[in-house]
């Protein structure tokens, strides 16, 4: 084998191993700290770091000074379980005072903020 063929084979194997590592590293993991839903904080955002509508939801809640906790459903086993129990179906999913709001629904979120 020539040097170029050996180098190409090693590079290909390295990329394959790296890809497998990244895929496994991005799976749902156990939370170190669970989202604390209590009488003082009964608003939960189920989202993902890459989701632009989740970011818009965060910004909307922040603009109204709403305290909430958030689960990244791709990184949190507990968050993913809760998300699934609420019917899942896409992110963001907002649990606001026992009301489920699916997607970035600004009027529904603002109505809940007003009624809070």
N, C-alpha and C. Protein backbone atom coordinates (compact mmCIF):
# COMPACT_ATOMS: atom_id res chain seq x y z
N UNK A 1 0.84 -1.19 0.00
CA UNK A 1 0.00 0.00 0.00
C UNK A 1 0.88 1.25 0.00
N UNK A 2 0.37 2.23 -0.65
CA UNK A 2 1.11 3.48 -0.66
C UNK A 2 0.76 4.29 0.58
N UNK A 3 1.59 5.26 0.84
CA UNK A 3 1.38 6.12 1.99
C UNK A 3 0.01 6.80 1.94
N UNK A 4 -0.41 7.25 0.77
CA UNK A 4 -1.69 7.94 0.60
C UNK A 4 -2.86 7.03 0.94
N UNK A 5 -2.81 5.76 0.54
CA UNK A 5 -3.89 4.81 0.84
C UNK A 5 -3.96 4.52 2.34
N UNK A 6 -2.81 4.38 2.97
CA UNK A 6 -2.77 4.13 4.41
C UNK A 6 -3.31 5.35 5.17
N UNK A 7 -2.86 6.53 4.76
CA UNK A 7 -3.34 7.76 5.40
C UNK A 7 -4.84 7.90 5.24
N UNK A 8 -5.37 7.64 4.05
CA UNK A 8 -6.81 7.73 3.79
C UNK A 8 -7.59 6.75 4.65
N UNK A 9 -7.09 5.53 4.79
CA UNK A 9 -7.77 4.52 5.60
C UNK A 9 -7.79 4.94 7.07
N UNK A 10 -6.68 5.43 7.58
CA UNK A 10 -6.61 5.86 8.98
C UNK A 10 -7.53 7.06 9.21
N UNK A 11 -7.53 8.00 8.28
CA UNK A 11 -8.40 9.16 8.39
C UNK A 11 -9.88 8.75 8.37
N UNK A 12 -10.24 7.84 7.49
CA UNK A 12 -11.61 7.35 7.42
C UNK A 12 -12.05 6.68 8.70
N UNK A 13 -11.20 5.86 9.26
CA UNK A 13 -11.51 5.16 10.52
C UNK A 13 -11.65 6.18 11.66
N UNK A 14 -10.78 7.17 11.69
CA UNK A 14 -10.84 8.20 12.72
C UNK A 14 -12.15 8.99 12.64
N UNK A 15 -12.56 9.36 11.44
CA UNK A 15 -13.82 10.08 11.26
C UNK A 15 -14.99 9.21 11.68
N UNK A 16 -14.97 7.93 11.33
CA UNK A 16 -16.04 7.01 11.72
C UNK A 16 -16.15 6.88 13.23
N UNK A 17 -15.03 6.68 13.89
CA UNK A 17 -15.03 6.56 15.35
C UNK A 17 -15.49 7.87 16.00
N UNK A 18 -15.03 9.00 15.48
CA UNK A 18 -15.46 10.30 16.01
C UNK A 18 -16.95 10.50 15.84
N UNK A 19 -17.49 10.11 14.70
CA UNK A 19 -18.93 10.25 14.45
C UNK A 19 -19.74 9.40 15.42
N UNK A 20 -19.30 8.18 15.64
CA UNK A 20 -20.00 7.30 16.59
C UNK A 20 -19.96 7.89 17.99
N UNK A 21 -18.82 8.44 18.39
CA UNK A 21 -18.68 9.06 19.70
C UNK A 21 -19.64 10.24 19.84
N UNK A 22 -19.71 11.10 18.82
CA UNK A 22 -20.58 12.27 18.88
C UNK A 22 -22.05 11.88 18.93
N UNK A 23 -22.43 10.86 18.18
CA UNK A 23 -23.81 10.39 18.21
C UNK A 23 -24.15 9.85 19.58
N UNK A 24 -23.29 9.05 20.16
CA UNK A 24 -23.55 8.50 21.49
C UNK A 24 -23.51 9.57 22.56
N UNK A 25 -22.68 10.58 22.39
CA UNK A 25 -22.56 11.65 23.39
C UNK A 25 -23.79 12.54 23.41
N UNK A 26 -24.57 12.57 22.33
CA UNK A 26 -25.72 13.46 22.27
C UNK A 26 -27.02 12.78 22.70
N UNK A 27 -26.96 11.56 23.17
CA UNK A 27 -28.17 10.88 23.58
C UNK A 27 -28.66 11.40 24.92
N UNK A 28 -29.89 11.04 25.26
CA UNK A 28 -30.50 11.48 26.51
C UNK A 28 -29.70 10.97 27.69
N UNK A 29 -29.45 11.84 28.64
CA UNK A 29 -28.67 11.49 29.82
C UNK A 29 -29.49 11.73 31.08
N UNK A 30 -29.01 11.19 32.17
CA UNK A 30 -29.67 11.38 33.46
C UNK A 30 -29.36 12.79 33.96
N UNK A 31 -30.35 13.45 34.52
CA UNK A 31 -30.16 14.80 35.03
C UNK A 31 -29.34 14.79 36.30
N UNK A 32 -28.50 15.79 36.43
CA UNK A 32 -27.83 15.95 37.71
C UNK A 32 -28.73 16.75 38.65
N UNK A 33 -29.51 17.67 38.09
CA UNK A 33 -30.46 18.45 38.88
C UNK A 33 -31.76 18.50 38.09
N UNK A 34 -32.84 18.07 38.72
CA UNK A 34 -34.14 18.08 38.06
C UNK A 34 -34.73 19.47 38.11
N UNK A 35 -35.61 19.73 37.19
CA UNK A 35 -36.35 20.99 37.14
C UNK A 35 -37.27 21.01 38.37
N UNK A 36 -37.23 22.09 39.13
CA UNK A 36 -38.00 22.17 40.37
C UNK A 36 -39.34 22.85 40.12
N UNK A 37 -40.37 22.02 39.94
CA UNK A 37 -41.72 22.54 39.75
C UNK A 37 -42.39 22.55 41.12
N UNK A 38 -42.78 23.74 41.55
CA UNK A 38 -43.39 23.88 42.87
C UNK A 38 -44.48 24.93 42.78
N UNK A 39 -45.03 25.28 43.92
CA UNK A 39 -46.05 26.32 43.95
C UNK A 39 -45.52 27.65 43.43
N UNK A 40 -44.22 27.90 43.66
CA UNK A 40 -43.62 29.14 43.20
C UNK A 40 -43.23 29.10 41.72
N UNK A 41 -43.06 27.91 41.18
CA UNK A 41 -42.58 27.78 39.81
C UNK A 41 -43.29 26.60 39.15
N UNK A 42 -44.41 26.88 38.52
CA UNK A 42 -45.16 25.81 37.87
C UNK A 42 -45.19 25.99 36.36
N UNK A 43 -44.10 26.54 35.82
CA UNK A 43 -43.97 26.74 34.39
C UNK A 43 -42.73 25.99 33.93
N UNK A 44 -42.93 25.09 32.97
CA UNK A 44 -41.83 24.27 32.48
C UNK A 44 -41.78 24.39 30.96
N UNK A 45 -40.60 24.68 30.44
CA UNK A 45 -40.36 24.72 29.01
C UNK A 45 -39.60 23.46 28.63
N UNK A 46 -40.14 22.70 27.70
CA UNK A 46 -39.46 21.54 27.14
C UNK A 46 -38.96 21.98 25.77
N UNK A 47 -37.65 21.98 25.59
CA UNK A 47 -37.10 22.48 24.35
C UNK A 47 -35.82 21.79 23.96
N UNK A 48 -35.11 22.42 23.03
CA UNK A 48 -33.82 21.93 22.56
C UNK A 48 -32.94 23.14 22.26
N UNK A 49 -31.67 22.96 22.43
CA UNK A 49 -30.73 24.07 22.30
C UNK A 49 -30.70 24.62 20.87
N UNK A 50 -30.96 23.80 19.88
CA UNK A 50 -30.87 24.21 18.47
C UNK A 50 -32.16 24.86 17.96
N UNK A 51 -33.23 24.86 18.75
CA UNK A 51 -34.57 25.25 18.29
C UNK A 51 -34.77 26.77 18.34
N UNK A 52 -34.96 27.43 17.19
CA UNK A 52 -35.17 28.89 17.21
C UNK A 52 -36.49 29.29 17.87
N UNK A 53 -37.52 28.48 17.77
CA UNK A 53 -38.79 28.80 18.42
C UNK A 53 -38.69 28.66 19.94
N UNK A 54 -37.84 27.76 20.40
CA UNK A 54 -37.58 27.65 21.84
C UNK A 54 -36.91 28.94 22.33
N UNK A 55 -35.97 29.46 21.55
CA UNK A 55 -35.30 30.70 21.91
C UNK A 55 -36.29 31.86 21.93
N UNK A 56 -37.21 31.92 20.98
CA UNK A 56 -38.22 32.97 20.99
C UNK A 56 -39.11 32.85 22.22
N UNK A 57 -39.43 31.62 22.61
CA UNK A 57 -40.23 31.40 23.81
C UNK A 57 -39.48 31.87 25.05
N UNK A 58 -38.18 31.54 25.13
CA UNK A 58 -37.36 32.01 26.26
C UNK A 58 -37.36 33.54 26.33
N UNK A 59 -37.17 34.18 25.17
CA UNK A 59 -37.13 35.64 25.14
C UNK A 59 -38.47 36.25 25.54
N UNK A 60 -39.56 35.65 25.10
CA UNK A 60 -40.89 36.15 25.45
C UNK A 60 -41.12 36.03 26.96
N UNK A 61 -40.78 34.89 27.53
CA UNK A 61 -40.94 34.70 28.97
C UNK A 61 -40.06 35.69 29.74
N UNK A 62 -38.84 35.89 29.26
CA UNK A 62 -37.93 36.83 29.93
C UNK A 62 -38.46 38.26 29.83
N UNK A 63 -39.06 38.62 28.71
CA UNK A 63 -39.57 39.99 28.55
C UNK A 63 -40.73 40.27 29.50
N UNK A 64 -41.39 39.22 29.97
CA UNK A 64 -42.48 39.37 30.95
C UNK A 64 -42.02 39.02 32.36
N UNK A 65 -40.71 38.83 32.55
CA UNK A 65 -40.13 38.47 33.85
C UNK A 65 -40.78 37.24 34.46
N UNK A 66 -41.02 36.24 33.63
CA UNK A 66 -41.64 34.99 34.08
C UNK A 66 -40.54 34.01 34.49
N UNK A 67 -40.64 33.51 35.72
CA UNK A 67 -39.73 32.47 36.18
C UNK A 67 -40.23 31.12 35.68
N UNK A 68 -39.33 30.33 35.15
CA UNK A 68 -39.68 29.01 34.65
C UNK A 68 -38.46 28.12 34.76
N UNK A 69 -38.69 26.84 34.62
CA UNK A 69 -37.56 25.93 34.53
C UNK A 69 -37.62 25.28 33.15
N UNK A 70 -36.50 24.77 32.71
CA UNK A 70 -36.42 24.25 31.35
C UNK A 70 -35.74 22.89 31.33
N UNK A 71 -36.26 22.02 30.50
CA UNK A 71 -35.62 20.75 30.20
C UNK A 71 -35.20 20.75 28.74
N UNK A 72 -33.97 20.42 28.47
CA UNK A 72 -33.53 20.12 27.12
C UNK A 72 -33.86 18.65 26.91
N UNK A 73 -34.86 18.38 26.10
CA UNK A 73 -35.36 17.00 26.00
C UNK A 73 -34.37 16.06 25.33
N UNK A 74 -33.33 16.60 24.71
CA UNK A 74 -32.29 15.76 24.12
C UNK A 74 -31.19 15.43 25.11
N UNK A 75 -31.14 16.13 26.21
CA UNK A 75 -30.08 15.92 27.21
C UNK A 75 -30.61 15.44 28.55
N UNK A 76 -31.92 15.48 28.75
CA UNK A 76 -32.50 15.17 30.04
C UNK A 76 -33.46 13.98 29.93
N UNK A 77 -33.11 12.90 30.60
CA UNK A 77 -33.98 11.72 30.58
C UNK A 77 -35.32 12.03 31.24
N UNK A 78 -35.28 12.72 32.38
CA UNK A 78 -36.51 13.07 33.08
C UNK A 78 -37.35 14.04 32.25
N UNK A 79 -36.70 15.03 31.67
CA UNK A 79 -37.40 15.98 30.82
C UNK A 79 -38.04 15.30 29.62
N UNK A 80 -37.33 14.38 29.00
CA UNK A 80 -37.87 13.65 27.85
C UNK A 80 -39.07 12.80 28.27
N UNK A 81 -38.97 12.17 29.45
CA UNK A 81 -40.09 11.35 29.94
C UNK A 81 -41.33 12.22 30.15
N UNK A 82 -41.14 13.38 30.78
CA UNK A 82 -42.28 14.28 31.02
C UNK A 82 -42.85 14.80 29.70
N UNK A 83 -41.98 15.17 28.79
CA UNK A 83 -42.37 15.65 27.47
C UNK A 83 -43.23 14.61 26.75
N UNK A 84 -42.78 13.37 26.77
CA UNK A 84 -43.54 12.28 26.15
C UNK A 84 -44.89 12.08 26.84
N UNK A 85 -44.93 12.19 28.16
CA UNK A 85 -46.19 12.00 28.89
C UNK A 85 -47.20 13.10 28.58
N UNK A 86 -46.71 14.24 28.12
CA UNK A 86 -47.59 15.34 27.72
C UNK A 86 -48.00 15.25 26.25
N UNK A 87 -47.54 14.21 25.58
CA UNK A 87 -47.91 14.01 24.18
C UNK A 87 -46.84 14.40 23.18
N UNK A 88 -45.75 14.98 23.66
CA UNK A 88 -44.64 15.33 22.77
C UNK A 88 -45.11 16.11 21.56
N UNK A 89 -44.61 15.76 20.42
CA UNK A 89 -45.08 16.33 19.17
C UNK A 89 -44.27 17.50 18.64
N UNK A 90 -43.21 17.87 19.27
CA UNK A 90 -42.37 18.96 18.80
C UNK A 90 -42.04 19.92 19.91
N UNK A 91 -41.03 20.73 19.65
CA UNK A 91 -40.61 21.73 20.62
C UNK A 91 -40.78 23.10 20.00
N UNK A 92 -41.00 24.11 20.80
CA UNK A 92 -41.13 24.08 22.24
C UNK A 92 -42.49 23.54 22.67
N UNK A 93 -42.50 22.97 23.84
CA UNK A 93 -43.73 22.58 24.51
C UNK A 93 -43.66 23.25 25.88
N UNK A 94 -44.67 24.01 26.20
CA UNK A 94 -44.66 24.79 27.44
C UNK A 94 -45.81 24.31 28.32
N UNK A 95 -45.47 23.93 29.54
CA UNK A 95 -46.47 23.59 30.55
C UNK A 95 -46.60 24.82 31.44
N UNK A 96 -47.73 25.49 31.33
CA UNK A 96 -47.92 26.78 31.99
C UNK A 96 -49.17 26.68 32.85
N UNK A 97 -48.98 26.56 34.19
CA UNK A 97 -50.11 26.44 35.11
C UNK A 97 -51.06 25.32 34.69
N UNK A 98 -50.51 24.15 34.41
CA UNK A 98 -51.24 22.95 33.99
C UNK A 98 -51.85 23.06 32.60
N UNK A 99 -51.58 24.12 31.88
CA UNK A 99 -52.04 24.29 30.50
C UNK A 99 -50.87 23.98 29.57
N UNK A 100 -51.10 23.10 28.60
CA UNK A 100 -50.05 22.75 27.64
C UNK A 100 -50.17 23.67 26.44
N UNK A 101 -49.06 24.33 26.11
CA UNK A 101 -48.99 25.19 24.93
C UNK A 101 -47.95 24.59 24.01
N UNK A 102 -48.38 24.25 22.80
CA UNK A 102 -47.49 23.61 21.82
C UNK A 102 -46.98 24.63 20.82
N UNK A 103 -45.68 24.57 20.57
CA UNK A 103 -45.08 25.48 19.62
C UNK A 103 -44.94 26.88 20.19
N UNK A 104 -44.42 27.78 19.36
CA UNK A 104 -44.29 29.17 19.79
C UNK A 104 -45.62 29.85 19.50
N UNK A 105 -46.48 29.89 20.52
CA UNK A 105 -47.81 30.46 20.39
C UNK A 105 -47.86 31.71 21.27
N UNK A 106 -47.41 32.82 20.71
CA UNK A 106 -47.28 34.06 21.47
C UNK A 106 -48.58 34.50 22.13
N UNK A 107 -49.74 34.50 21.41
CA UNK A 107 -50.98 34.92 22.07
C UNK A 107 -51.36 34.04 23.26
N UNK A 108 -51.17 32.72 23.12
CA UNK A 108 -51.52 31.81 24.22
C UNK A 108 -50.60 32.00 25.41
N UNK A 109 -49.32 32.23 25.13
CA UNK A 109 -48.36 32.45 26.22
C UNK A 109 -48.68 33.76 26.94
N UNK A 110 -48.92 34.80 26.18
CA UNK A 110 -49.22 36.11 26.79
C UNK A 110 -50.53 36.07 27.57
N UNK A 111 -51.50 35.31 27.12
CA UNK A 111 -52.74 35.14 27.87
C UNK A 111 -52.48 34.47 29.21
N UNK A 112 -51.65 33.44 29.21
CA UNK A 112 -51.30 32.76 30.47
C UNK A 112 -50.53 33.70 31.40
N UNK A 113 -49.64 34.50 30.84
CA UNK A 113 -48.87 35.46 31.65
C UNK A 113 -49.83 36.47 32.28
N UNK A 114 -50.77 36.95 31.50
CA UNK A 114 -51.74 37.93 31.99
C UNK A 114 -52.61 37.34 33.09
N UNK A 115 -52.99 36.08 32.98
CA UNK A 115 -53.86 35.42 33.95
C UNK A 115 -53.12 34.89 35.16
N UNK A 116 -51.83 35.02 35.16
CA UNK A 116 -51.02 34.44 36.24
C UNK A 116 -51.16 35.23 37.52
